[in-house]
Amino acid sequence: MNIEGINWLAVLLAAISAFVLGGLWYGPLFKNAWCRENGIDPNAPPSRHPARMFGTAFLAALVAAAAFAIILRADPPLFIAVHAGFLTGLAYVAMSFGINYAFAGRSFKLWLIDGGYHTLQFTLYGLVLGLWH
């Protein structure tokens, strides 16, 4: 594993971008549809402490952004980074969700919401890491 030349500030910004995207995606954009597809009352209080949920989500986003930066290596060309992010989100993450959702009997709509988020998440990682050398 070669971590030389990785811009750790860009990794942090990439993780923050995913966190902001998640707030919009699972908030005003798709909260009601996501809750409905999961059988959750959108107005119910969280089942766990919000700090623990958001802390775990941010840590996972940070690990994912760091791993993606290591795969891309230092100074990836912008097109390659964005393209790799899109393909990683769609082909690896969203399709893995699709396999799990098929066996769990979850809806196609829920897969579109969750898979769409992760596709955009990794596309954003590629954008941030490709722009910020």
N, C-alpha and C. Protein backbone atom coordinates (compact mmCIF):
# COMPACT_ATOMS: atom_id res chain seq x y z
N MET A 1 0.85 -1.17 0.00
CA MET A 1 0.00 0.00 0.00
C MET A 1 0.89 1.23 0.00
N ASN A 2 0.71 2.07 -1.00
CA ASN A 2 1.52 3.27 -1.13
C ASN A 2 0.69 4.49 -0.77
N ILE A 3 1.02 5.12 0.36
CA ILE A 3 0.27 6.30 0.78
C ILE A 3 1.08 7.58 0.60
N GLU A 4 2.26 7.46 -0.01
CA GLU A 4 3.07 8.64 -0.27
C GLU A 4 2.35 9.56 -1.25
N GLY A 5 2.37 10.81 -0.95
CA GLY A 5 1.79 11.80 -1.85
C GLY A 5 0.28 11.96 -1.74
N ILE A 6 -0.36 11.18 -0.87
CA ILE A 6 -1.80 11.33 -0.70
C ILE A 6 -2.06 12.66 0.00
N ASN A 7 -2.99 13.42 -0.52
CA ASN A 7 -3.35 14.70 0.08
C ASN A 7 -4.43 14.43 1.13
N TRP A 8 -4.02 14.35 2.39
CA TRP A 8 -4.93 13.98 3.46
C TRP A 8 -5.97 15.05 3.74
N LEU A 9 -5.64 16.29 3.42
CA LEU A 9 -6.64 17.35 3.55
C LEU A 9 -7.75 17.16 2.51
N ALA A 10 -7.37 16.74 1.30
CA ALA A 10 -8.36 16.44 0.27
C ALA A 10 -9.21 15.24 0.66
N VAL A 11 -8.60 14.25 1.31
CA VAL A 11 -9.35 13.09 1.80
C VAL A 11 -10.40 13.55 2.83
N LEU A 12 -9.98 14.42 3.73
CA LEU A 12 -10.91 14.95 4.73
C LEU A 12 -12.05 15.72 4.06
N LEU A 13 -11.72 16.55 3.07
CA LEU A 13 -12.75 17.31 2.36
C LEU A 13 -13.68 16.36 1.59
N ALA A 14 -13.14 15.31 1.02
CA ALA A 14 -13.98 14.33 0.31
C ALA A 14 -14.96 13.69 1.28
N ALA A 15 -14.49 13.33 2.47
CA ALA A 15 -15.38 12.74 3.47
C ALA A 15 -16.46 13.73 3.89
N ILE A 16 -16.08 14.98 4.07
CA ILE A 16 -17.05 16.01 4.43
C ILE A 16 -18.07 16.18 3.32
N SER A 17 -17.63 16.12 2.06
CA SER A 17 -18.56 16.26 0.94
C SER A 17 -19.60 15.16 0.95
N ALA A 18 -19.19 13.94 1.28
CA ALA A 18 -20.14 12.82 1.36
C ALA A 18 -21.11 13.02 2.51
N PHE A 19 -20.63 13.57 3.59
CA PHE A 19 -21.47 13.83 4.76
C PHE A 19 -22.53 14.88 4.43
N VAL A 20 -22.12 15.94 3.72
CA VAL A 20 -23.06 16.99 3.31
C VAL A 20 -24.06 16.42 2.31
N LEU A 21 -23.57 15.65 1.33
CA LEU A 21 -24.47 15.00 0.38
C LEU A 21 -25.49 14.13 1.09
N GLY A 22 -25.04 13.35 2.07
CA GLY A 22 -25.95 12.49 2.82
C GLY A 22 -27.02 13.28 3.55
N GLY A 23 -26.65 14.43 4.10
CA GLY A 23 -27.62 15.27 4.78
C GLY A 23 -28.71 15.77 3.84
N LEU A 24 -28.31 16.11 2.64
CA LEU A 24 -29.29 16.55 1.64
C LEU A 24 -30.09 15.36 1.08
N TRP A 25 -29.39 14.29 0.75
CA TRP A 25 -29.99 13.12 0.10
C TRP A 25 -31.03 12.46 1.00
N TYR A 26 -30.62 12.19 2.24
CA TYR A 26 -31.50 11.51 3.18
C TYR A 26 -32.32 12.48 4.03
N GLY A 27 -32.18 13.76 3.73
CA GLY A 27 -32.98 14.79 4.38
C GLY A 27 -34.07 15.26 3.45
N PRO A 28 -33.94 16.49 2.95
CA PRO A 28 -35.04 17.04 2.15
C PRO A 28 -35.33 16.31 0.84
N LEU A 29 -34.32 15.69 0.23
CA LEU A 29 -34.56 15.05 -1.07
C LEU A 29 -35.34 13.74 -0.97
N PHE A 30 -34.89 12.82 -0.11
CA PHE A 30 -35.49 11.48 -0.11
C PHE A 30 -35.88 10.93 1.25
N LYS A 31 -35.91 11.77 2.27
CA LYS A 31 -36.21 11.28 3.62
C LYS A 31 -37.54 10.53 3.68
N ASN A 32 -38.58 11.14 3.19
CA ASN A 32 -39.89 10.50 3.29
C ASN A 32 -39.97 9.20 2.51
N ALA A 33 -39.44 9.20 1.29
CA ALA A 33 -39.46 7.97 0.47
C ALA A 33 -38.60 6.89 1.12
N TRP A 34 -37.42 7.26 1.63
CA TRP A 34 -36.53 6.29 2.26
C TRP A 34 -37.18 5.70 3.51
N CYS A 35 -37.77 6.56 4.32
CA CYS A 35 -38.45 6.09 5.54
C CYS A 35 -39.61 5.17 5.18
N ARG A 36 -40.41 5.56 4.20
CA ARG A 36 -41.55 4.75 3.79
C ARG A 36 -41.09 3.37 3.32
N GLU A 37 -40.04 3.32 2.51
CA GLU A 37 -39.53 2.05 1.98
C GLU A 37 -38.93 1.18 3.07
N ASN A 38 -38.49 1.78 4.16
CA ASN A 38 -37.93 1.04 5.29
C ASN A 38 -38.93 0.79 6.40
N GLY A 39 -40.16 1.28 6.23
CA GLY A 39 -41.17 1.09 7.25
C GLY A 39 -40.90 1.90 8.51
N ILE A 40 -40.32 3.07 8.36
CA ILE A 40 -39.96 3.93 9.49
C ILE A 40 -40.82 5.19 9.44
N ASP A 41 -41.29 5.61 10.59
CA ASP A 41 -42.02 6.87 10.69
C ASP A 41 -40.99 8.00 10.57
N PRO A 42 -41.11 8.86 9.53
CA PRO A 42 -40.11 9.92 9.36
C PRO A 42 -40.09 10.93 10.50
N ASN A 43 -41.15 10.97 11.30
CA ASN A 43 -41.20 11.92 12.41
C ASN A 43 -40.80 11.31 13.75
N ALA A 44 -40.52 10.01 13.76
CA ALA A 44 -40.13 9.34 15.00
C ALA A 44 -38.71 9.77 15.40
N PRO A 45 -38.45 9.85 16.69
CA PRO A 45 -37.08 10.18 17.11
C PRO A 45 -36.13 9.05 16.72
N PRO A 46 -34.85 9.37 16.54
CA PRO A 46 -33.89 8.32 16.17
C PRO A 46 -33.84 7.22 17.23
N SER A 47 -33.60 6.01 16.79
CA SER A 47 -33.54 4.87 17.72
C SER A 47 -32.23 4.84 18.49
N ARG A 48 -31.20 5.51 17.98
CA ARG A 48 -29.90 5.59 18.66
C ARG A 48 -29.51 7.05 18.81
N HIS A 49 -28.54 7.28 19.64
CA HIS A 49 -28.08 8.65 19.87
C HIS A 49 -27.55 9.23 18.56
N PRO A 50 -28.02 10.44 18.18
CA PRO A 50 -27.59 11.03 16.92
C PRO A 50 -26.07 11.21 16.80
N ALA A 51 -25.39 11.55 17.89
CA ALA A 51 -23.94 11.73 17.82
C ALA A 51 -23.25 10.43 17.43
N ARG A 52 -23.75 9.32 17.94
CA ARG A 52 -23.16 8.02 17.60
C ARG A 52 -23.43 7.68 16.13
N MET A 53 -24.65 7.93 15.67
CA MET A 53 -24.99 7.63 14.27
C MET A 53 -24.16 8.49 13.32
N PHE A 54 -24.14 9.80 13.56
CA PHE A 54 -23.41 10.69 12.66
C PHE A 54 -21.90 10.49 12.77
N GLY A 55 -21.41 10.22 13.97
CA GLY A 55 -19.99 9.94 14.15
C GLY A 55 -19.56 8.69 13.39
N THR A 56 -20.38 7.65 13.48
CA THR A 56 -20.09 6.41 12.75
C THR A 56 -20.13 6.66 11.25
N ALA A 57 -21.14 7.40 10.79
CA ALA A 57 -21.27 7.70 9.36
C ALA A 57 -20.07 8.50 8.86
N PHE A 58 -19.62 9.49 9.64
CA PHE A 58 -18.48 10.28 9.20
C PHE A 58 -17.20 9.46 9.19
N LEU A 59 -16.99 8.64 10.20
CA LEU A 59 -15.81 7.79 10.24
C LEU A 59 -15.79 6.83 9.05
N ALA A 60 -16.94 6.25 8.73
CA ALA A 60 -17.02 5.34 7.57
C ALA A 60 -16.73 6.10 6.27
N ALA A 61 -17.25 7.33 6.15
CA ALA A 61 -16.98 8.14 4.96
C ALA A 61 -15.50 8.48 4.86
N LEU A 62 -14.87 8.76 5.99
CA LEU A 62 -13.44 9.09 6.01
C LEU A 62 -12.60 7.88 5.60
N VAL A 63 -12.92 6.71 6.11
CA VAL A 63 -12.20 5.49 5.73
C VAL A 63 -12.38 5.21 4.24
N ALA A 64 -13.61 5.35 3.75
CA ALA A 64 -13.88 5.10 2.33
C ALA A 64 -13.12 6.10 1.45
N ALA A 65 -13.12 7.37 1.83
CA ALA A 65 -12.41 8.39 1.06
C ALA A 65 -10.90 8.12 1.06
N ALA A 66 -10.36 7.73 2.21
CA ALA A 66 -8.93 7.42 2.30
C ALA A 66 -8.58 6.22 1.43
N ALA A 67 -9.38 5.17 1.51
CA ALA A 67 -9.12 3.98 0.70
C ALA A 67 -9.20 4.31 -0.79
N PHE A 68 -10.18 5.11 -1.16
CA PHE A 68 -10.31 5.49 -2.57
C PHE A 68 -9.12 6.34 -3.02
N ALA A 69 -8.65 7.24 -2.17
CA ALA A 69 -7.48 8.06 -2.50
C ALA A 69 -6.24 7.18 -2.68
N ILE A 70 -6.11 6.16 -1.86
CA ILE A 70 -4.96 5.25 -1.98
C ILE A 70 -5.05 4.48 -3.30
N ILE A 71 -6.24 4.04 -3.66
CA ILE A 71 -6.42 3.34 -4.94
C ILE A 71 -6.09 4.25 -6.11
N LEU A 72 -6.55 5.51 -6.04
CA LEU A 72 -6.29 6.47 -7.13
C LEU A 72 -4.82 6.85 -7.21
N ARG A 73 -4.13 6.81 -6.08
CA ARG A 73 -2.76 7.28 -5.93
C ARG A 73 -2.72 8.81 -5.97
N ALA A 74 -1.56 9.36 -5.77
CA ALA A 74 -1.41 10.82 -5.72
C ALA A 74 -1.60 11.42 -7.11
N ASP A 75 -2.19 12.60 -7.14
CA ASP A 75 -2.34 13.40 -8.36
C ASP A 75 -3.05 12.70 -9.52
N PRO A 76 -4.23 12.14 -9.29
CA PRO A 76 -4.94 11.52 -10.42
C PRO A 76 -5.48 12.59 -11.36
N PRO A 77 -5.48 12.33 -12.67
CA PRO A 77 -6.13 13.28 -13.59
C PRO A 77 -7.62 13.37 -13.25
N LEU A 78 -8.19 14.56 -13.39
CA LEU A 78 -9.57 14.81 -12.99
C LEU A 78 -10.54 13.83 -13.65
N PHE A 79 -10.46 13.65 -14.96
CA PHE A 79 -11.40 12.75 -15.65
C PHE A 79 -11.30 11.33 -15.11
N ILE A 80 -10.09 10.86 -14.91
CA ILE A 80 -9.88 9.50 -14.40
C ILE A 80 -10.45 9.37 -12.99
N ALA A 81 -10.21 10.36 -12.15
CA ALA A 81 -10.68 10.31 -10.75
C ALA A 81 -12.21 10.31 -10.69
N VAL A 82 -12.85 11.19 -11.46
CA VAL A 82 -14.32 11.27 -11.45
C VAL A 82 -14.91 10.00 -12.04
N HIS A 83 -14.35 9.55 -13.14
CA HIS A 83 -14.83 8.32 -13.79
C HIS A 83 -14.67 7.12 -12.86
N ALA A 84 -13.52 7.01 -12.22
CA ALA A 84 -13.29 5.91 -11.27
C ALA A 84 -14.26 5.99 -10.10
N GLY A 85 -14.53 7.20 -9.62
CA GLY A 85 -15.48 7.37 -8.53
C GLY A 85 -16.88 6.94 -8.92
N PHE A 86 -17.32 7.36 -10.09
CA PHE A 86 -18.64 6.97 -10.57
C PHE A 86 -18.75 5.45 -10.72
N LEU A 87 -17.75 4.84 -11.34
CA LEU A 87 -17.79 3.39 -11.54
C LEU A 87 -17.70 2.64 -10.22
N THR A 88 -16.90 3.13 -9.30
CA THR A 88 -16.79 2.48 -7.99
C THR A 88 -18.13 2.54 -7.27
N GLY A 89 -18.74 3.71 -7.24
CA GLY A 89 -20.03 3.85 -6.57
C GLY A 89 -21.11 3.00 -7.21
N LEU A 90 -21.17 3.01 -8.54
CA LEU A 90 -22.23 2.27 -9.23
C LEU A 90 -21.95 0.77 -9.29
N ALA A 91 -20.77 0.41 -9.80
CA ALA A 91 -20.49 -1.00 -10.08
C ALA A 91 -20.15 -1.81 -8.85
N TYR A 92 -19.48 -1.22 -7.88
CA TYR A 92 -19.10 -1.98 -6.69
C TYR A 92 -20.10 -1.80 -5.55
N VAL A 93 -20.35 -0.54 -5.17
CA VAL A 93 -21.17 -0.30 -3.99
C VAL A 93 -22.65 -0.52 -4.29
N ALA A 94 -23.18 0.17 -5.29
CA ALA A 94 -24.62 0.06 -5.57
C ALA A 94 -25.00 -1.37 -5.99
N MET A 95 -24.17 -2.00 -6.77
CA MET A 95 -24.49 -3.37 -7.19
C MET A 95 -24.39 -4.35 -6.03
N SER A 96 -23.48 -4.11 -5.10
CA SER A 96 -23.41 -4.95 -3.90
C SER A 96 -24.67 -4.77 -3.06
N PHE A 97 -25.12 -3.53 -2.94
CA PHE A 97 -26.40 -3.29 -2.27
C PHE A 97 -27.52 -4.04 -3.01
N GLY A 98 -27.49 -3.99 -4.34
CA GLY A 98 -28.52 -4.67 -5.13
C GLY A 98 -28.60 -6.16 -4.83
N ILE A 99 -27.47 -6.80 -4.68
CA ILE A 99 -27.45 -8.23 -4.34
C ILE A 99 -28.11 -8.43 -2.98
N ASN A 100 -27.67 -7.67 -1.99
CA ASN A 100 -28.24 -7.80 -0.64
C ASN A 100 -29.73 -7.49 -0.62
N TYR A 101 -30.13 -6.43 -1.33
CA TYR A 101 -31.54 -6.03 -1.33
C TYR A 101 -32.40 -7.08 -2.01
N ALA A 102 -31.88 -7.73 -3.04
CA ALA A 102 -32.65 -8.78 -3.72
C ALA A 102 -32.97 -9.92 -2.76
N PHE A 103 -31.98 -10.33 -1.99
CA PHE A 103 -32.20 -11.43 -1.04
C PHE A 103 -32.99 -11.01 0.19
N ALA A 104 -32.90 -9.75 0.55
CA ALA A 104 -33.62 -9.25 1.72
C ALA A 104 -35.06 -8.84 1.38
N GLY A 105 -35.39 -8.85 0.09
CA GLY A 105 -36.73 -8.47 -0.33
C GLY A 105 -37.00 -6.98 -0.22
N ARG A 106 -35.95 -6.19 -0.28
CA ARG A 106 -36.13 -4.74 -0.22
C ARG A 106 -36.53 -4.22 -1.60
N SER A 107 -37.12 -3.05 -1.61
CA SER A 107 -37.69 -2.52 -2.86
C SER A 107 -36.64 -1.95 -3.80
N PHE A 108 -37.02 -1.94 -5.06
CA PHE A 108 -36.19 -1.33 -6.10
C PHE A 108 -36.02 0.17 -5.82
N LYS A 109 -37.07 0.80 -5.34
CA LYS A 109 -37.02 2.23 -5.02
C LYS A 109 -35.98 2.50 -3.94
N LEU A 110 -35.95 1.65 -2.91
CA LEU A 110 -34.97 1.82 -1.84
C LEU A 110 -33.56 1.63 -2.39
N TRP A 111 -33.39 0.66 -3.28
CA TRP A 111 -32.08 0.45 -3.91
C TRP A 111 -31.66 1.67 -4.71
N LEU A 112 -32.61 2.27 -5.44
CA LEU A 112 -32.28 3.47 -6.21
C LEU A 112 -31.82 4.61 -5.30
N ILE A 113 -32.50 4.76 -4.17
CA ILE A 113 -32.13 5.83 -3.23
C ILE A 113 -30.74 5.57 -2.65
N ASP A 114 -30.54 4.38 -2.08
CA ASP A 114 -29.26 4.07 -1.44
C ASP A 114 -28.12 3.93 -2.46
N GLY A 115 -28.38 3.23 -3.54
CA GLY A 115 -27.36 3.07 -4.58
C GLY A 115 -27.02 4.39 -5.24
N GLY A 116 -28.03 5.23 -5.43
CA GLY A 116 -27.78 6.55 -6.01
C GLY A 116 -26.90 7.41 -5.12
N TYR A 117 -27.16 7.35 -3.82
CA TYR A 117 -26.33 8.11 -2.89
C TYR A 117 -24.87 7.68 -2.99
N HIS A 118 -24.63 6.39 -2.94
CA HIS A 118 -23.24 5.91 -2.94
C HIS A 118 -22.55 6.13 -4.28
N THR A 119 -23.32 6.11 -5.36
CA THR A 119 -22.74 6.43 -6.66
C THR A 119 -22.29 7.89 -6.67
N LEU A 120 -23.12 8.78 -6.18
CA LEU A 120 -22.73 10.19 -6.11
C LEU A 120 -21.64 10.43 -5.07
N GLN A 121 -21.68 9.69 -3.97
CA GLN A 121 -20.65 9.81 -2.94
C GLN A 121 -19.26 9.58 -3.54
N PHE A 122 -19.09 8.48 -4.24
CA PHE A 122 -17.77 8.17 -4.80
C PHE A 122 -17.43 9.06 -5.98
N THR A 123 -18.44 9.53 -6.72
CA THR A 123 -18.19 10.49 -7.78
C THR A 123 -17.66 11.78 -7.18
N LEU A 124 -18.23 12.21 -6.05
CA LEU A 124 -17.72 13.39 -5.34
C LEU A 124 -16.30 13.16 -4.84
N TYR A 125 -16.03 11.98 -4.31
CA TYR A 125 -14.66 11.66 -3.89
C TYR A 125 -13.70 11.88 -5.06
N GLY A 126 -14.07 11.34 -6.21
CA GLY A 126 -13.22 11.49 -7.39
C GLY A 126 -13.06 12.94 -7.78
N LEU A 127 -14.14 13.70 -7.71
CA LEU A 127 -14.07 15.12 -8.07
C LEU A 127 -13.14 15.88 -7.13
N VAL A 128 -13.31 15.69 -5.84
CA VAL A 128 -12.48 16.38 -4.85
C VAL A 128 -11.01 15.96 -5.00
N LEU A 129 -10.77 14.66 -5.07
CA LEU A 129 -9.39 14.17 -5.15
C LEU A 129 -8.74 14.50 -6.48
N GLY A 130 -9.55 14.56 -7.55
CA GLY A 130 -9.01 14.93 -8.87
C GLY A 130 -8.72 16.41 -9.00
N LEU A 131 -9.54 17.23 -8.35
CA LEU A 131 -9.31 18.69 -8.43
C LEU A 131 -8.20 19.16 -7.52
N TRP A 132 -8.10 18.53 -6.35
CA TRP A 132 -7.17 19.03 -5.34
C TRP A 132 -5.93 18.16 -5.27
N HIS A 133 -4.95 18.51 -6.05
CA HIS A 133 -3.71 17.72 -6.08
C HIS A 133 -2.83 18.09 -4.95
